[in-house]
Amino acid sequence: MLKNELSLIGEKITFEELNNFMIENNYYSIYNDLSEREIQDCLNEGVIAFESKSQDTIEDIYTYIEFEVFENNILKINNIFEM
């Protein structure tokens, strides 16, 4: 299920590029779920979660993306997993 998403590991992209990539892969925009302050908290913590639009279960499953933040808010994607 995460084939496209896993291709991001090791990539350096901006937060907006990450959000757009996830939208293109059938996830909700992070701006639907989180406020600007919550997004900033995620950036400070180095992890953010996206909710899939196509879930087969009653429980919500999120795709978590762990990253490092470099200057100019460039993210280096380190890990991707579902929970």
N, C-alpha and C. Protein backbone atom coordinates (compact mmCIF):
# COMPACT_ATOMS: atom_id res chain seq x y z
N MET A 1 0.81 -1.20 0.00
CA MET A 1 0.00 0.00 0.00
C MET A 1 0.86 1.26 0.00
N LEU A 2 2.04 1.20 0.58
CA LEU A 2 2.87 2.40 0.69
C LEU A 2 3.94 2.49 -0.40
N LYS A 3 3.77 1.79 -1.48
CA LYS A 3 4.82 1.74 -2.51
C LYS A 3 5.26 3.13 -2.96
N ASN A 4 4.33 3.98 -3.35
CA ASN A 4 4.68 5.33 -3.79
C ASN A 4 5.27 6.16 -2.66
N GLU A 5 4.69 6.03 -1.48
CA GLU A 5 5.14 6.81 -0.35
C GLU A 5 6.57 6.45 0.05
N LEU A 6 6.89 5.15 0.02
CA LEU A 6 8.23 4.69 0.40
C LEU A 6 9.31 5.24 -0.52
N SER A 7 8.93 5.63 -1.73
CA SER A 7 9.91 6.18 -2.67
C SER A 7 10.47 7.52 -2.17
N LEU A 8 9.82 8.12 -1.18
CA LEU A 8 10.28 9.39 -0.63
C LEU A 8 11.46 9.24 0.33
N ILE A 9 11.69 8.05 0.87
CA ILE A 9 12.76 7.87 1.84
C ILE A 9 14.09 8.27 1.22
N GLY A 10 14.79 9.15 1.92
CA GLY A 10 16.08 9.66 1.45
C GLY A 10 15.98 10.94 0.63
N GLU A 11 14.77 11.29 0.21
CA GLU A 11 14.56 12.49 -0.61
C GLU A 11 14.58 13.75 0.26
N LYS A 12 14.97 14.84 -0.36
CA LYS A 12 14.90 16.15 0.29
C LYS A 12 13.86 16.98 -0.46
N ILE A 13 12.80 17.38 0.26
CA ILE A 13 11.71 18.13 -0.35
C ILE A 13 11.19 19.16 0.65
N THR A 14 10.42 20.10 0.15
CA THR A 14 9.80 21.08 1.04
C THR A 14 8.55 20.48 1.66
N PHE A 15 8.05 21.11 2.70
CA PHE A 15 6.81 20.65 3.33
C PHE A 15 5.65 20.71 2.34
N GLU A 16 5.58 21.78 1.57
CA GLU A 16 4.50 21.90 0.58
C GLU A 16 4.57 20.81 -0.47
N GLU A 17 5.78 20.47 -0.91
CA GLU A 17 5.93 19.38 -1.88
C GLU A 17 5.48 18.05 -1.26
N LEU A 18 5.81 17.84 0.00
CA LEU A 18 5.36 16.63 0.69
C LEU A 18 3.84 16.59 0.77
N ASN A 19 3.23 17.67 1.19
CA ASN A 19 1.77 17.73 1.28
C ASN A 19 1.13 17.47 -0.09
N ASN A 20 1.65 18.09 -1.13
CA ASN A 20 1.10 17.89 -2.48
C ASN A 20 1.28 16.45 -2.95
N PHE A 21 2.44 15.85 -2.66
CA PHE A 21 2.69 14.45 -3.01
C PHE A 21 1.65 13.56 -2.34
N MET A 22 1.40 13.79 -1.07
CA MET A 22 0.45 12.97 -0.34
C MET A 22 -0.97 13.15 -0.88
N ILE A 23 -1.34 14.36 -1.23
CA ILE A 23 -2.66 14.61 -1.82
C ILE A 23 -2.80 13.83 -3.13
N GLU A 24 -1.75 13.86 -3.96
CA GLU A 24 -1.76 13.15 -5.23
C GLU A 24 -1.88 11.63 -5.04
N ASN A 25 -1.48 11.16 -3.86
CA ASN A 25 -1.53 9.72 -3.57
C ASN A 25 -2.70 9.36 -2.66
N ASN A 26 -3.76 10.15 -2.75
CA ASN A 26 -5.04 9.86 -2.11
C ASN A 26 -5.06 10.03 -0.59
N TYR A 27 -4.36 11.06 -0.12
CA TYR A 27 -4.42 11.45 1.28
C TYR A 27 -5.08 12.81 1.39
N TYR A 28 -5.60 13.10 2.58
CA TYR A 28 -6.15 14.42 2.84
C TYR A 28 -5.01 15.42 3.03
N SER A 29 -5.24 16.65 2.63
CA SER A 29 -4.27 17.71 2.87
C SER A 29 -4.05 17.84 4.37
N ILE A 30 -2.83 18.04 4.78
CA ILE A 30 -2.53 18.18 6.20
C ILE A 30 -3.25 19.39 6.79
N TYR A 31 -3.55 20.36 5.95
CA TYR A 31 -4.25 21.55 6.42
C TYR A 31 -5.70 21.27 6.78
N ASN A 32 -6.24 20.12 6.36
CA ASN A 32 -7.59 19.72 6.76
C ASN A 32 -7.63 19.27 8.21
N ASP A 33 -6.53 18.70 8.69
CA ASP A 33 -6.49 18.09 10.02
C ASP A 33 -5.81 18.94 11.08
N LEU A 34 -4.85 19.75 10.68
CA LEU A 34 -4.03 20.46 11.67
C LEU A 34 -4.03 21.96 11.45
N SER A 35 -3.91 22.68 12.55
CA SER A 35 -3.75 24.14 12.48
C SER A 35 -2.29 24.46 12.13
N GLU A 36 -2.03 25.70 11.81
CA GLU A 36 -0.66 26.13 11.51
C GLU A 36 0.26 25.84 12.70
N ARG A 37 -0.23 26.08 13.90
CA ARG A 37 0.57 25.84 15.11
C ARG A 37 0.87 24.35 15.28
N GLU A 38 -0.12 23.50 15.03
CA GLU A 38 0.09 22.06 15.12
C GLU A 38 1.07 21.57 14.06
N ILE A 39 1.00 22.15 12.88
CA ILE A 39 1.95 21.79 11.82
C ILE A 39 3.36 22.19 12.23
N GLN A 40 3.50 23.37 12.81
CA GLN A 40 4.82 23.82 13.27
C GLN A 40 5.34 22.88 14.35
N ASP A 41 4.47 22.42 15.25
CA ASP A 41 4.88 21.46 16.28
C ASP A 41 5.39 20.18 15.64
N CYS A 42 4.71 19.70 14.60
CA CYS A 42 5.14 18.50 13.89
C CYS A 42 6.51 18.70 13.25
N LEU A 43 6.71 19.86 12.65
CA LEU A 43 8.00 20.17 12.04
C LEU A 43 9.10 20.19 13.09
N ASN A 44 8.80 20.72 14.26
CA ASN A 44 9.78 20.76 15.35
C ASN A 44 10.09 19.36 15.88
N GLU A 45 9.09 18.48 15.87
CA GLU A 45 9.25 17.11 16.38
C GLU A 45 9.87 16.16 15.34
N GLY A 46 9.76 16.52 14.06
CA GLY A 46 10.33 15.68 13.01
C GLY A 46 9.45 14.52 12.58
N VAL A 47 8.14 14.65 12.82
CA VAL A 47 7.21 13.60 12.37
C VAL A 47 5.85 14.22 12.11
N ILE A 48 5.19 13.74 11.06
CA ILE A 48 3.85 14.22 10.72
C ILE A 48 3.04 13.04 10.20
N ALA A 49 1.73 13.07 10.40
CA ALA A 49 0.87 11.97 9.98
C ALA A 49 -0.18 12.45 9.00
N PHE A 50 -0.39 11.67 7.96
CA PHE A 50 -1.41 11.95 6.95
C PHE A 50 -2.48 10.88 7.00
N GLU A 51 -3.74 11.29 6.80
CA GLU A 51 -4.86 10.35 6.79
C GLU A 51 -5.21 10.01 5.34
N SER A 52 -5.33 8.72 5.08
CA SER A 52 -5.69 8.25 3.74
C SER A 52 -7.17 8.47 3.48
N LYS A 53 -7.49 8.80 2.23
CA LYS A 53 -8.90 8.93 1.84
C LYS A 53 -9.54 7.58 1.59
N SER A 54 -8.74 6.57 1.33
CA SER A 54 -9.28 5.24 0.98
C SER A 54 -8.91 4.22 2.04
N GLN A 55 -9.68 4.22 3.11
CA GLN A 55 -9.43 3.27 4.18
C GLN A 55 -10.44 2.14 4.13
N ASP A 56 -9.93 0.92 4.32
CA ASP A 56 -10.77 -0.27 4.27
C ASP A 56 -11.25 -0.71 5.65
N THR A 57 -10.85 0.01 6.69
CA THR A 57 -11.22 -0.39 8.04
C THR A 57 -12.03 0.71 8.72
N ILE A 58 -12.67 0.33 9.80
CA ILE A 58 -13.43 1.31 10.59
C ILE A 58 -12.47 2.23 11.33
N GLU A 59 -11.34 1.68 11.79
CA GLU A 59 -10.35 2.45 12.51
C GLU A 59 -9.59 3.35 11.55
N ASP A 60 -9.24 4.54 12.02
CA ASP A 60 -8.43 5.43 11.20
C ASP A 60 -6.99 4.94 11.19
N ILE A 61 -6.41 4.85 10.01
CA ILE A 61 -5.02 4.47 9.85
C ILE A 61 -4.29 5.67 9.26
N TYR A 62 -3.19 6.03 9.88
CA TYR A 62 -2.42 7.18 9.43
C TYR A 62 -1.07 6.73 8.91
N THR A 63 -0.57 7.45 7.93
CA THR A 63 0.78 7.23 7.43
C THR A 63 1.67 8.28 8.08
N TYR A 64 2.64 7.81 8.84
CA TYR A 64 3.57 8.69 9.55
C TYR A 64 4.84 8.85 8.74
N ILE A 65 5.32 10.07 8.71
CA ILE A 65 6.55 10.38 7.98
C ILE A 65 7.51 11.05 8.96
N GLU A 66 8.66 10.40 9.14
CA GLU A 66 9.72 10.96 9.99
C GLU A 66 10.74 11.64 9.11
N PHE A 67 11.24 12.78 9.57
CA PHE A 67 12.15 13.57 8.74
C PHE A 67 13.08 14.42 9.60
N GLU A 68 14.11 14.93 8.95
CA GLU A 68 14.99 15.95 9.52
C GLU A 68 14.69 17.24 8.78
N VAL A 69 14.79 18.36 9.49
CA VAL A 69 14.56 19.66 8.86
C VAL A 69 15.92 20.34 8.65
N PHE A 70 16.16 20.77 7.42
CA PHE A 70 17.37 21.49 7.08
C PHE A 70 17.03 22.95 6.83
N GLU A 71 18.02 23.77 6.56
CA GLU A 71 17.75 25.19 6.32
C GLU A 71 16.78 25.37 5.17
N ASN A 72 16.10 26.50 5.19
CA ASN A 72 15.06 26.82 4.21
C ASN A 72 13.89 25.83 4.27
N ASN A 73 13.70 25.21 5.44
CA ASN A 73 12.60 24.27 5.67
C ASN A 73 12.57 23.11 4.68
N ILE A 74 13.75 22.63 4.31
CA ILE A 74 13.85 21.43 3.47
C ILE A 74 13.80 20.22 4.40
N LEU A 75 12.96 19.26 4.05
CA LEU A 75 12.81 18.04 4.84
C LEU A 75 13.55 16.89 4.18
N LYS A 76 14.32 16.15 4.95
CA LYS A 76 14.92 14.91 4.45
C LYS A 76 14.12 13.78 5.06
N ILE A 77 13.45 13.01 4.22
CA ILE A 77 12.57 11.94 4.67
C ILE A 77 13.42 10.75 5.12
N ASN A 78 13.23 10.33 6.38
CA ASN A 78 14.00 9.23 6.96
C ASN A 78 13.23 7.92 7.07
N ASN A 79 11.92 8.00 7.31
CA ASN A 79 11.14 6.78 7.53
C ASN A 79 9.67 7.06 7.24
N ILE A 80 8.96 6.02 6.81
CA ILE A 80 7.52 6.11 6.55
C ILE A 80 6.89 4.81 7.03
N PHE A 81 5.81 4.94 7.80
CA PHE A 81 5.12 3.74 8.30
C PHE A 81 3.66 4.07 8.58
N GLU A 82 2.86 3.01 8.72
CA GLU A 82 1.43 3.17 9.01
C GLU A 82 1.14 2.70 10.43
N MET A 83 0.14 3.35 11.03
CA MET A 83 -0.36 2.92 12.34
C MET A 83 -1.84 3.22 12.40
